[in-house]
N, C-alpha and C. Protein backbone atom coordinates (compact mmCIF):
# COMPACT_ATOMS: atom_id res chain seq x y z
N MET A 1 1.38 -0.88 -0.15
CA MET A 1 -0.29 0.61 0.14
C MET A 1 0.81 1.10 -0.48
N PRO A 2 0.69 2.10 -0.73
CA PRO A 2 1.61 3.45 -0.92
C PRO A 2 1.50 4.12 0.31
N LEU A 3 2.69 5.26 0.57
CA LEU A 3 2.74 6.28 2.13
C LEU A 3 1.04 6.92 1.66
N ALA A 4 0.93 7.53 0.63
CA ALA A 4 0.31 8.74 0.68
C ALA A 4 -1.48 8.15 0.72
N ALA A 5 -1.64 6.77 0.46
CA ALA A 5 -3.06 5.72 1.00
C ALA A 5 -3.03 5.67 2.52
N VAL A 6 -1.49 5.59 2.96
CA VAL A 6 -1.97 5.23 4.32
C VAL A 6 -2.14 6.45 5.55
N ILE A 7 -1.27 7.55 4.81
CA ILE A 7 -1.78 9.18 5.41
C ILE A 7 -3.01 9.04 5.07
N THR A 8 -3.46 9.57 3.78
CA THR A 8 -4.83 9.50 3.83
C THR A 8 -6.16 8.37 4.64
N ILE A 9 -5.41 7.58 4.93
CA ILE A 9 -6.40 6.62 6.01
C ILE A 9 -6.56 6.95 7.08
N ILE A 10 -5.07 7.71 8.23
CA ILE A 10 -4.85 8.31 8.84
C ILE A 10 -6.06 9.36 9.53
N GLY A 11 -5.43 10.31 8.81
CA GLY A 11 -6.30 11.49 8.54
C GLY A 11 -7.52 11.66 8.57
N ALA A 12 -8.05 10.59 7.76
CA ALA A 12 -9.42 10.39 7.67
C ALA A 12 -10.10 10.31 9.02
N LEU A 13 -9.40 9.11 10.08
CA LEU A 13 -9.55 7.87 11.34
C LEU A 13 -9.16 9.46 11.90
N LEU A 14 -8.44 10.13 11.61
CA LEU A 14 -8.56 11.52 12.91
C LEU A 14 -9.05 12.61 12.84
N THR A 15 -9.53 12.39 10.90
CA THR A 15 -11.21 13.84 11.52
C THR A 15 -11.92 13.00 11.48
N VAL A 16 -12.58 11.46 11.59
CA VAL A 16 -13.61 11.23 12.45
C VAL A 16 -13.24 11.38 13.28
N LEU A 17 -12.70 10.89 14.45
CA LEU A 17 -12.47 10.90 15.89
C LEU A 17 -12.61 12.01 16.37
N VAL A 18 -11.85 13.51 16.05
CA VAL A 18 -12.03 14.77 16.33
C VAL A 18 -13.51 15.22 16.35
N LEU A 19 -14.19 14.76 15.33
CA LEU A 19 -15.35 14.97 15.02
C LEU A 19 -16.47 14.51 16.02
N ALA A 20 -15.77 13.71 15.85
CA ALA A 20 -16.83 12.11 17.10
C ALA A 20 -16.90 12.43 18.70
N ALA A 21 -15.61 13.40 19.05
CA ALA A 21 -15.60 13.74 20.08
C ALA A 21 -15.81 15.06 20.71
N TYR A 22 -16.11 15.61 19.46
CA TYR A 22 -16.50 17.49 19.27
C TYR A 22 -18.36 17.25 19.37
N LEU A 23 -19.18 16.38 18.74
CA LEU A 23 -20.30 15.78 19.03
C LEU A 23 -20.98 15.26 20.23
N ILE A 24 -19.70 14.48 20.92
CA ILE A 24 -20.25 13.64 21.91
C ILE A 24 -20.30 15.14 23.25
N SER A 25 -19.20 16.03 22.99
CA SER A 25 -19.96 16.77 23.83
C SER A 25 -20.39 17.97 23.86
N ILE A 26 -20.89 17.97 22.93
CA ILE A 26 -22.56 18.88 22.25
C ILE A 26 -22.95 18.52 22.67
N ALA A 27 -23.51 17.18 22.70
CA ALA A 27 -24.46 16.05 23.42
C ALA A 27 -24.20 15.94 24.90
N LEU A 28 -23.38 15.98 25.83
CA LEU A 28 -23.33 15.79 27.04
C LEU A 28 -24.01 17.75 27.20
N VAL A 29 -23.46 18.61 26.66
CA VAL A 29 -24.16 19.60 26.65
C VAL A 29 -25.10 19.94 27.16
N LEU A 30 -26.09 19.61 26.18
CA LEU A 30 -27.45 19.26 25.42
C LEU A 30 -28.39 18.80 27.08
N TRP A 31 -27.39 18.20 27.57
CA TRP A 31 -28.32 16.67 27.88
C TRP A 31 -28.02 18.09 29.21
N ARG A 32 -27.21 18.57 29.64
CA ARG A 32 -27.60 19.21 31.11
C ARG A 32 -28.23 19.94 31.03
N VAL A 33 -28.32 20.68 29.94
CA VAL A 33 -29.39 22.03 29.70
C VAL A 33 -30.85 21.15 29.17
N ASN A 34 -30.68 20.32 29.00
CA ASN A 34 -31.92 19.92 29.45
C ASN A 34 -32.37 20.14 30.69
N ALA A 35 -31.33 19.16 31.02
CA ALA A 35 -31.88 18.53 32.79
C ALA A 35 -31.96 19.66 33.32
N LYS A 36 -31.50 21.71 33.64
CA LYS A 36 -32.14 22.12 33.76
C LYS A 36 -32.99 22.82 33.26
N LEU A 37 -33.18 22.66 32.38
CA LEU A 37 -34.95 23.39 31.82
C LEU A 37 -35.74 22.00 32.16
N HIS A 38 -35.85 21.47 31.88
CA HIS A 38 -36.44 20.69 32.76
C HIS A 38 -37.33 20.83 34.75
N ALA A 39 -35.90 20.91 35.66
CA ALA A 39 -36.15 21.71 36.88
C ALA A 39 -36.99 22.55 36.88
N ILE A 40 -36.42 23.59 35.57
CA ILE A 40 -36.77 25.45 36.02
C ILE A 40 -38.43 24.64 36.18
N THR A 41 -39.05 24.09 34.61
CA THR A 41 -40.08 23.58 34.17
C THR A 41 -41.39 23.49 35.38
N GLY A 42 -41.07 22.43 35.62
CA GLY A 42 -41.22 22.08 36.71
C GLY A 42 -41.79 23.49 37.45
N GLY A 43 -40.55 23.76 38.47
CA GLY A 43 -40.57 25.22 39.06
C GLY A 43 -41.25 26.14 39.03
N LEU A 44 -41.77 26.53 37.39
CA LEU A 44 -43.59 27.16 37.08
C LEU A 44 -44.10 26.89 36.94
N GLN A 45 -44.31 25.27 37.65
CA GLN A 45 -45.57 24.37 37.13
C GLN A 45 -46.05 25.11 38.58
N LEU A 46 -45.22 24.34 39.44
CA LEU A 46 -45.81 25.12 40.50
C LEU A 46 -46.12 26.03 40.92
N VAL A 47 -45.22 27.14 40.59
CA VAL A 47 -45.64 28.67 40.74
C VAL A 47 -47.07 28.86 40.31
N THR A 48 -47.05 28.55 39.28
CA THR A 48 -48.75 28.34 38.33
C THR A 48 -49.82 27.65 38.88
N GLU A 49 -49.53 27.35 39.91
CA GLU A 49 -50.41 25.77 40.54
C GLU A 49 -50.71 26.60 42.01
N LYS A 50 -49.62 27.16 42.51
CA LYS A 50 -50.26 28.06 44.32
C LYS A 50 -50.78 29.56 43.80
N THR A 51 -50.22 29.89 42.91
CA THR A 51 -51.32 31.49 42.12
C THR A 51 -52.34 31.57 42.03
N LYS A 52 -52.75 30.05 41.73
CA LYS A 52 -54.03 29.50 41.12
C LYS A 52 -55.33 30.48 41.57
N PRO A 53 -55.16 30.29 43.02
CA PRO A 53 -56.59 30.24 43.74
C PRO A 53 -56.70 32.26 43.82
N ILE A 54 -55.41 32.58 43.63
CA ILE A 54 -55.16 34.11 44.18
C ILE A 54 -56.48 35.04 43.27
N GLY A 55 -56.47 34.75 42.00
CA GLY A 55 -57.32 34.96 41.35
C GLY A 55 -59.40 35.78 41.79
N PRO A 56 -59.36 34.39 42.39
CA PRO A 56 -61.00 34.87 43.17
C PRO A 56 -60.84 35.63 44.38
N ILE A 57 -59.56 35.95 45.22
CA ILE A 57 -59.27 36.21 46.41
C ILE A 57 -59.72 37.23 45.64
N VAL A 58 -58.19 38.04 45.42
CA VAL A 58 -58.32 39.89 44.34
C VAL A 58 -59.33 40.31 44.01
N GLY A 59 -60.53 39.71 43.45
CA GLY A 59 -61.81 40.22 42.78
C GLY A 59 -62.46 40.16 43.77
N GLU A 60 -62.13 39.46 45.60
CA GLU A 60 -63.33 39.50 46.45
C GLU A 60 -62.60 40.89 47.87
N ILE A 61 -61.27 41.52 47.74
CA ILE A 61 -60.58 42.46 48.00
C ILE A 61 -60.88 43.32 47.17
N ASN A 62 -60.94 43.26 46.02
CA ASN A 62 -61.77 44.56 45.56
C ASN A 62 -63.13 45.36 45.36
N ASN A 63 -63.94 44.33 45.75
CA ASN A 63 -65.34 44.58 45.59
C ASN A 63 -65.28 45.13 47.70
N SER A 64 -64.29 44.80 48.25
CA SER A 64 -64.82 45.41 49.76
C SER A 64 -64.20 46.34 49.31
N LEU A 65 -63.07 46.66 48.68
CA LEU A 65 -62.58 47.67 49.00
C LEU A 65 -63.10 48.92 48.28
N ALA A 66 -64.45 48.63 46.86
CA ALA A 66 -65.02 49.74 46.69
C ALA A 66 -65.99 49.97 47.81
N GLY A 67 -66.40 49.18 48.02
CA GLY A 67 -67.38 49.55 49.33
C GLY A 67 -66.81 50.20 50.37
N VAL A 68 -65.53 50.34 50.37
CA VAL A 68 -64.69 51.10 51.25
C VAL A 68 -64.65 52.27 50.67
N ASP A 69 -64.51 52.46 49.71
CA ASP A 69 -63.98 53.91 48.41
C ASP A 69 -65.65 54.38 48.31
N ASN A 70 -67.06 53.90 48.68
CA ASN A 70 -67.85 54.46 48.13
C ASN A 70 -68.24 55.04 50.37
N ALA A 71 -67.41 54.23 51.20
CA ALA A 71 -68.52 54.94 52.10
C ALA A 71 -67.18 56.24 52.69
N LEU A 72 -65.79 56.13 52.07
CA LEU A 72 -65.39 56.93 52.48
C LEU A 72 -65.55 58.34 51.62
N ARG A 73 -65.89 58.12 50.00
CA ARG A 73 -66.69 59.41 49.57
C ARG A 73 -67.99 60.10 49.98
N ALA A 74 -68.43 59.59 50.85
CA ALA A 74 -69.63 59.46 51.05
C ALA A 74 -69.46 60.34 52.06
N VAL A 75 -68.54 60.14 53.33
CA VAL A 75 -68.71 60.58 54.62
C VAL A 75 -67.93 62.03 53.52
N LEU A 76 -67.08 61.92 52.96
CA LEU A 76 -66.11 63.16 52.47
C LEU A 76 -67.14 64.61 51.72
N ALA A 77 -68.08 63.63 51.08
CA ALA A 77 -69.27 64.92 50.89
C ALA A 77 -69.78 65.38 51.54
N LYS A 78 -70.45 64.98 52.97
CA LYS A 78 -70.67 65.31 53.75
C LYS A 78 -70.13 66.96 54.39
């Protein structure tokens, strides 16, 4: 086998090995990012569940404050 063919095969193998190592490192980084995003998504869903009951309570507070506002306006008008 000629020397040029051996050098070409070795170069091709080195190129494949470098590309494989690079792609594996990218896959590991993406795996860590995916794990962190999964944790963040779980936390956001928990916050959404915990804050869901606030809507009706805020409406009740606004209704109560509207009554207080009307009473104060009546006092100030006198």
